[in-house]
Amino acid sequence: MLYAVMESDVRTLSLMNIVVKYADDMNILAPSDSDTVLHEEFDHVKLWADNNKRLINLLKTKEIVFRRPNPRLSAPFISLRFNRSLMLNY
């Protein structure tokens, strides 16, 4: 029960970011347009862990970036013709 009480006081720096907790796991969800950069959020969580005498296993700590594919960013198909002209085909 003590762990549940301690775990419930973890907060994000930004209201845009979300902390998701399950048992002894914690995830920070931060959108790309967040007003706080992710390393500042993580520093805040590390400070919370130090103050509450908790350990963060840095070997299991990962950053995963999710994004929707943007068709405008995909490389165009390039076809070359050897008569001194270059034609781009999309």
N, C-alpha and C. Protein backbone atom coordinates (compact mmCIF):
# COMPACT_ATOMS: atom_id res chain seq x y z
N MET A 1 0.82 -1.19 0.00
CA MET A 1 0.00 0.00 0.00
C MET A 1 0.87 1.26 0.00
N LEU A 2 1.97 1.23 0.72
CA LEU A 2 2.86 2.39 0.76
C LEU A 2 3.35 2.74 -0.64
N TYR A 3 3.67 1.70 -1.44
CA TYR A 3 4.15 1.95 -2.80
C TYR A 3 3.08 2.67 -3.62
N ALA A 4 1.82 2.25 -3.49
CA ALA A 4 0.74 2.88 -4.25
C ALA A 4 0.58 4.35 -3.87
N VAL A 5 0.74 4.67 -2.59
CA VAL A 5 0.64 6.06 -2.15
C VAL A 5 1.81 6.86 -2.70
N MET A 6 3.02 6.32 -2.65
CA MET A 6 4.19 7.03 -3.15
C MET A 6 4.10 7.21 -4.67
N GLU A 7 3.66 6.20 -5.35
CA GLU A 7 3.61 6.25 -6.81
C GLU A 7 2.58 7.26 -7.30
N SER A 8 1.56 7.51 -6.51
CA SER A 8 0.49 8.39 -6.97
C SER A 8 0.89 9.86 -6.95
N ASP A 9 2.01 10.23 -6.34
CA ASP A 9 2.38 11.64 -6.30
C ASP A 9 3.34 12.04 -7.41
N VAL A 10 3.59 11.17 -8.35
CA VAL A 10 4.42 11.53 -9.52
C VAL A 10 3.59 12.39 -10.45
N ARG A 11 4.10 13.54 -10.80
CA ARG A 11 3.42 14.47 -11.71
C ARG A 11 4.36 14.88 -12.83
N THR A 12 3.79 15.27 -13.95
CA THR A 12 4.60 15.79 -15.05
C THR A 12 4.80 17.29 -14.86
N LEU A 13 5.83 17.81 -15.50
CA LEU A 13 6.06 19.26 -15.48
C LEU A 13 5.03 19.97 -16.34
N SER A 14 4.68 19.36 -17.46
CA SER A 14 3.75 19.96 -18.41
C SER A 14 2.38 19.31 -18.27
N LEU A 15 1.35 20.11 -18.38
CA LEU A 15 -0.01 19.57 -18.37
C LEU A 15 -0.32 18.79 -19.65
N MET A 16 0.49 19.01 -20.69
CA MET A 16 0.28 18.30 -21.95
C MET A 16 0.79 16.86 -21.88
N ASN A 17 1.72 16.59 -20.99
CA ASN A 17 2.31 15.26 -20.87
C ASN A 17 1.52 14.42 -19.88
N ILE A 18 1.59 13.11 -20.05
CA ILE A 18 0.81 12.18 -19.24
C ILE A 18 1.74 11.13 -18.66
N VAL A 19 1.51 10.79 -17.39
CA VAL A 19 2.22 9.68 -16.75
C VAL A 19 1.24 8.51 -16.68
N VAL A 20 1.67 7.37 -17.21
CA VAL A 20 0.89 6.14 -17.14
C VAL A 20 1.66 5.17 -16.27
N LYS A 21 1.00 4.68 -15.20
CA LYS A 21 1.68 3.81 -14.24
C LYS A 21 0.95 2.48 -14.17
N TYR A 22 1.73 1.42 -14.05
CA TYR A 22 1.18 0.10 -13.81
C TYR A 22 2.19 -0.68 -12.98
N ALA A 23 1.79 -1.10 -11.78
CA ALA A 23 2.67 -1.81 -10.85
C ALA A 23 3.95 -0.99 -10.66
N ASP A 24 5.09 -1.53 -11.03
CA ASP A 24 6.34 -0.77 -10.84
C ASP A 24 6.85 -0.18 -12.14
N ASP A 25 6.01 -0.11 -13.16
CA ASP A 25 6.38 0.49 -14.45
C ASP A 25 5.75 1.87 -14.58
N MET A 26 6.45 2.76 -15.28
CA MET A 26 5.94 4.10 -15.51
C MET A 26 6.30 4.52 -16.93
N ASN A 27 5.35 5.14 -17.61
CA ASN A 27 5.57 5.67 -18.95
C ASN A 27 5.20 7.14 -18.96
N ILE A 28 6.01 7.93 -19.64
CA ILE A 28 5.69 9.34 -19.83
C ILE A 28 5.34 9.52 -21.30
N LEU A 29 4.14 10.00 -21.55
CA LEU A 29 3.69 10.27 -22.92
C LEU A 29 3.77 11.77 -23.15
N ALA A 30 4.56 12.16 -24.14
CA ALA A 30 4.77 13.58 -24.42
C ALA A 30 4.55 13.83 -25.90
N PRO A 31 3.58 14.66 -26.26
CA PRO A 31 3.38 14.97 -27.68
C PRO A 31 4.51 15.83 -28.22
N SER A 32 4.66 15.83 -29.51
CA SER A 32 5.76 16.58 -30.13
C SER A 32 5.65 18.08 -29.89
N ASP A 33 4.44 18.58 -29.67
CA ASP A 33 4.27 20.01 -29.44
C ASP A 33 4.20 20.36 -27.95
N SER A 34 4.73 19.48 -27.10
CA SER A 34 4.73 19.72 -25.65
C SER A 34 5.55 20.96 -25.32
N ASP A 35 5.15 21.66 -24.28
CA ASP A 35 5.89 22.85 -23.87
C ASP A 35 7.09 22.53 -22.99
N THR A 36 7.34 21.25 -22.73
CA THR A 36 8.50 20.79 -21.96
C THR A 36 9.21 19.72 -22.77
N VAL A 37 10.52 19.80 -22.86
CA VAL A 37 11.26 18.77 -23.59
C VAL A 37 11.35 17.52 -22.72
N LEU A 38 11.50 16.39 -23.37
CA LEU A 38 11.42 15.11 -22.68
C LEU A 38 12.51 14.92 -21.64
N HIS A 39 13.73 15.39 -21.91
CA HIS A 39 14.80 15.19 -20.92
C HIS A 39 14.52 15.99 -19.64
N GLU A 40 13.80 17.12 -19.74
CA GLU A 40 13.42 17.84 -18.52
C GLU A 40 12.39 17.05 -17.72
N GLU A 41 11.45 16.41 -18.42
CA GLU A 41 10.47 15.55 -17.73
C GLU A 41 11.18 14.39 -17.05
N PHE A 42 12.14 13.79 -17.74
CA PHE A 42 12.84 12.66 -17.16
C PHE A 42 13.69 13.10 -15.96
N ASP A 43 14.34 14.26 -16.05
CA ASP A 43 15.08 14.79 -14.91
C ASP A 43 14.16 15.01 -13.71
N HIS A 44 12.95 15.45 -13.98
CA HIS A 44 11.95 15.66 -12.92
C HIS A 44 11.58 14.33 -12.26
N VAL A 45 11.42 13.27 -13.06
CA VAL A 45 11.11 11.95 -12.51
C VAL A 45 12.30 11.40 -11.73
N LYS A 46 13.52 11.63 -12.23
CA LYS A 46 14.71 11.18 -11.48
C LYS A 46 14.80 11.88 -10.13
N LEU A 47 14.49 13.17 -10.09
CA LEU A 47 14.48 13.90 -8.83
C LEU A 47 13.43 13.33 -7.89
N TRP A 48 12.24 13.04 -8.42
CA TRP A 48 11.19 12.40 -7.60
C TRP A 48 11.70 11.07 -7.04
N ALA A 49 12.35 10.27 -7.87
CA ALA A 49 12.86 8.96 -7.43
C ALA A 49 13.90 9.14 -6.33
N ASP A 50 14.80 10.09 -6.48
CA ASP A 50 15.81 10.35 -5.45
C ASP A 50 15.16 10.78 -4.13
N ASN A 51 14.19 11.69 -4.23
CA ASN A 51 13.52 12.19 -3.02
C ASN A 51 12.74 11.09 -2.30
N ASN A 52 12.25 10.11 -3.07
CA ASN A 52 11.44 9.04 -2.49
C ASN A 52 12.22 7.74 -2.33
N LYS A 53 13.54 7.84 -2.45
CA LYS A 53 14.44 6.69 -2.28
C LYS A 53 14.05 5.52 -3.19
N ARG A 54 13.73 5.86 -4.44
CA ARG A 54 13.41 4.85 -5.46
C ARG A 54 14.57 4.79 -6.44
N LEU A 55 14.73 3.67 -7.11
CA LEU A 55 15.77 3.50 -8.11
C LEU A 55 15.15 3.41 -9.50
N ILE A 56 15.80 4.03 -10.46
CA ILE A 56 15.40 3.91 -11.87
C ILE A 56 16.45 3.06 -12.55
N ASN A 57 16.03 1.97 -13.13
CA ASN A 57 16.94 1.10 -13.85
C ASN A 57 17.18 1.70 -15.24
N LEU A 58 18.29 2.39 -15.40
CA LEU A 58 18.58 3.06 -16.67
C LEU A 58 18.82 2.07 -17.81
N LEU A 59 19.17 0.83 -17.49
CA LEU A 59 19.34 -0.17 -18.54
C LEU A 59 18.01 -0.57 -19.17
N LYS A 60 16.92 -0.36 -18.44
CA LYS A 60 15.59 -0.69 -18.96
C LYS A 60 14.83 0.56 -19.40
N THR A 61 15.46 1.72 -19.32
CA THR A 61 14.81 2.97 -19.68
C THR A 61 15.01 3.23 -21.17
N LYS A 62 13.92 3.45 -21.87
CA LYS A 62 13.97 3.64 -23.33
C LYS A 62 13.17 4.86 -23.73
N GLU A 63 13.56 5.45 -24.83
CA GLU A 63 12.77 6.49 -25.48
C GLU A 63 12.28 5.92 -26.79
N ILE A 64 10.99 5.96 -26.99
CA ILE A 64 10.39 5.47 -28.24
C ILE A 64 9.62 6.63 -28.86
N VAL A 65 9.87 6.90 -30.11
CA VAL A 65 9.20 7.98 -30.81
C VAL A 65 8.20 7.37 -31.78
N PHE A 66 6.94 7.77 -31.62
CA PHE A 66 5.89 7.34 -32.52
C PHE A 66 5.50 8.53 -33.39
N ARG A 67 5.30 8.27 -34.66
CA ARG A 67 4.81 9.33 -35.54
C ARG A 67 4.04 8.70 -36.68
N ARG A 68 3.16 9.49 -37.22
CA ARG A 68 2.41 9.04 -38.40
C ARG A 68 3.31 9.26 -39.62
N PRO A 69 3.29 8.33 -40.54
CA PRO A 69 4.09 8.55 -41.76
C PRO A 69 3.54 9.75 -42.52
N ASN A 70 4.42 10.55 -43.03
CA ASN A 70 4.04 11.73 -43.79
C ASN A 70 4.37 11.47 -45.26
N PRO A 71 3.37 11.34 -46.12
CA PRO A 71 3.66 11.04 -47.52
C PRO A 71 4.46 12.13 -48.22
N ARG A 72 4.38 13.35 -47.72
CA ARG A 72 5.16 14.44 -48.34
C ARG A 72 6.65 14.29 -48.07
N LEU A 73 7.02 13.52 -47.03
CA LEU A 73 8.43 13.37 -46.69
C LEU A 73 9.07 12.17 -47.37
N SER A 74 8.29 11.33 -48.03
CA SER A 74 8.89 10.18 -48.69
C SER A 74 9.64 10.63 -49.94
N ALA A 75 10.71 9.95 -50.23
CA ALA A 75 11.57 10.32 -51.36
C ALA A 75 10.86 10.04 -52.68
N PRO A 76 10.95 10.96 -53.63
CA PRO A 76 10.32 10.71 -54.93
C PRO A 76 11.10 9.66 -55.72
N PHE A 77 10.40 8.97 -56.57
CA PHE A 77 11.04 8.02 -57.47
C PHE A 77 11.72 8.83 -58.57
N ILE A 78 12.99 8.61 -58.78
CA ILE A 78 13.75 9.37 -59.77
C ILE A 78 14.11 8.46 -60.93
N SER A 79 13.75 8.89 -62.12
CA SER A 79 14.17 8.16 -63.31
C SER A 79 15.12 9.06 -64.11
N LEU A 80 16.16 8.48 -64.60
CA LEU A 80 17.16 9.23 -65.34
C LEU A 80 17.10 8.89 -66.82
N ARG A 81 17.21 9.91 -67.61
CA ARG A 81 17.36 9.69 -69.04
C ARG A 81 18.71 10.27 -69.43
N PHE A 82 19.39 9.63 -70.31
CA PHE A 82 20.76 9.99 -70.61
C PHE A 82 20.89 10.93 -71.79
N ASN A 83 19.88 11.69 -72.10
CA ASN A 83 19.98 12.66 -73.18
C ASN A 83 20.07 14.08 -72.61
N ARG A 84 20.91 14.22 -71.60
CA ARG A 84 21.23 15.50 -70.95
C ARG A 84 20.04 16.13 -70.22
N SER A 85 19.06 15.35 -69.88
CA SER A 85 17.94 15.89 -69.11
C SER A 85 17.65 14.96 -67.94
N LEU A 86 17.11 15.55 -66.93
CA LEU A 86 16.74 14.80 -65.75
C LEU A 86 15.26 14.96 -65.54
N MET A 87 14.57 13.88 -65.42
CA MET A 87 13.12 13.97 -65.24
C MET A 87 12.75 13.30 -63.92
N LEU A 88 11.98 13.98 -63.11
CA LEU A 88 11.52 13.42 -61.84
C LEU A 88 10.12 12.89 -62.02
N ASN A 89 9.94 11.66 -61.66
CA ASN A 89 8.59 11.05 -61.70
C ASN A 89 8.14 10.82 -60.27
N TYR A 90 6.95 11.25 -59.92
CA TYR A 90 6.43 11.06 -58.57
C TYR A 90 5.40 9.95 -58.57
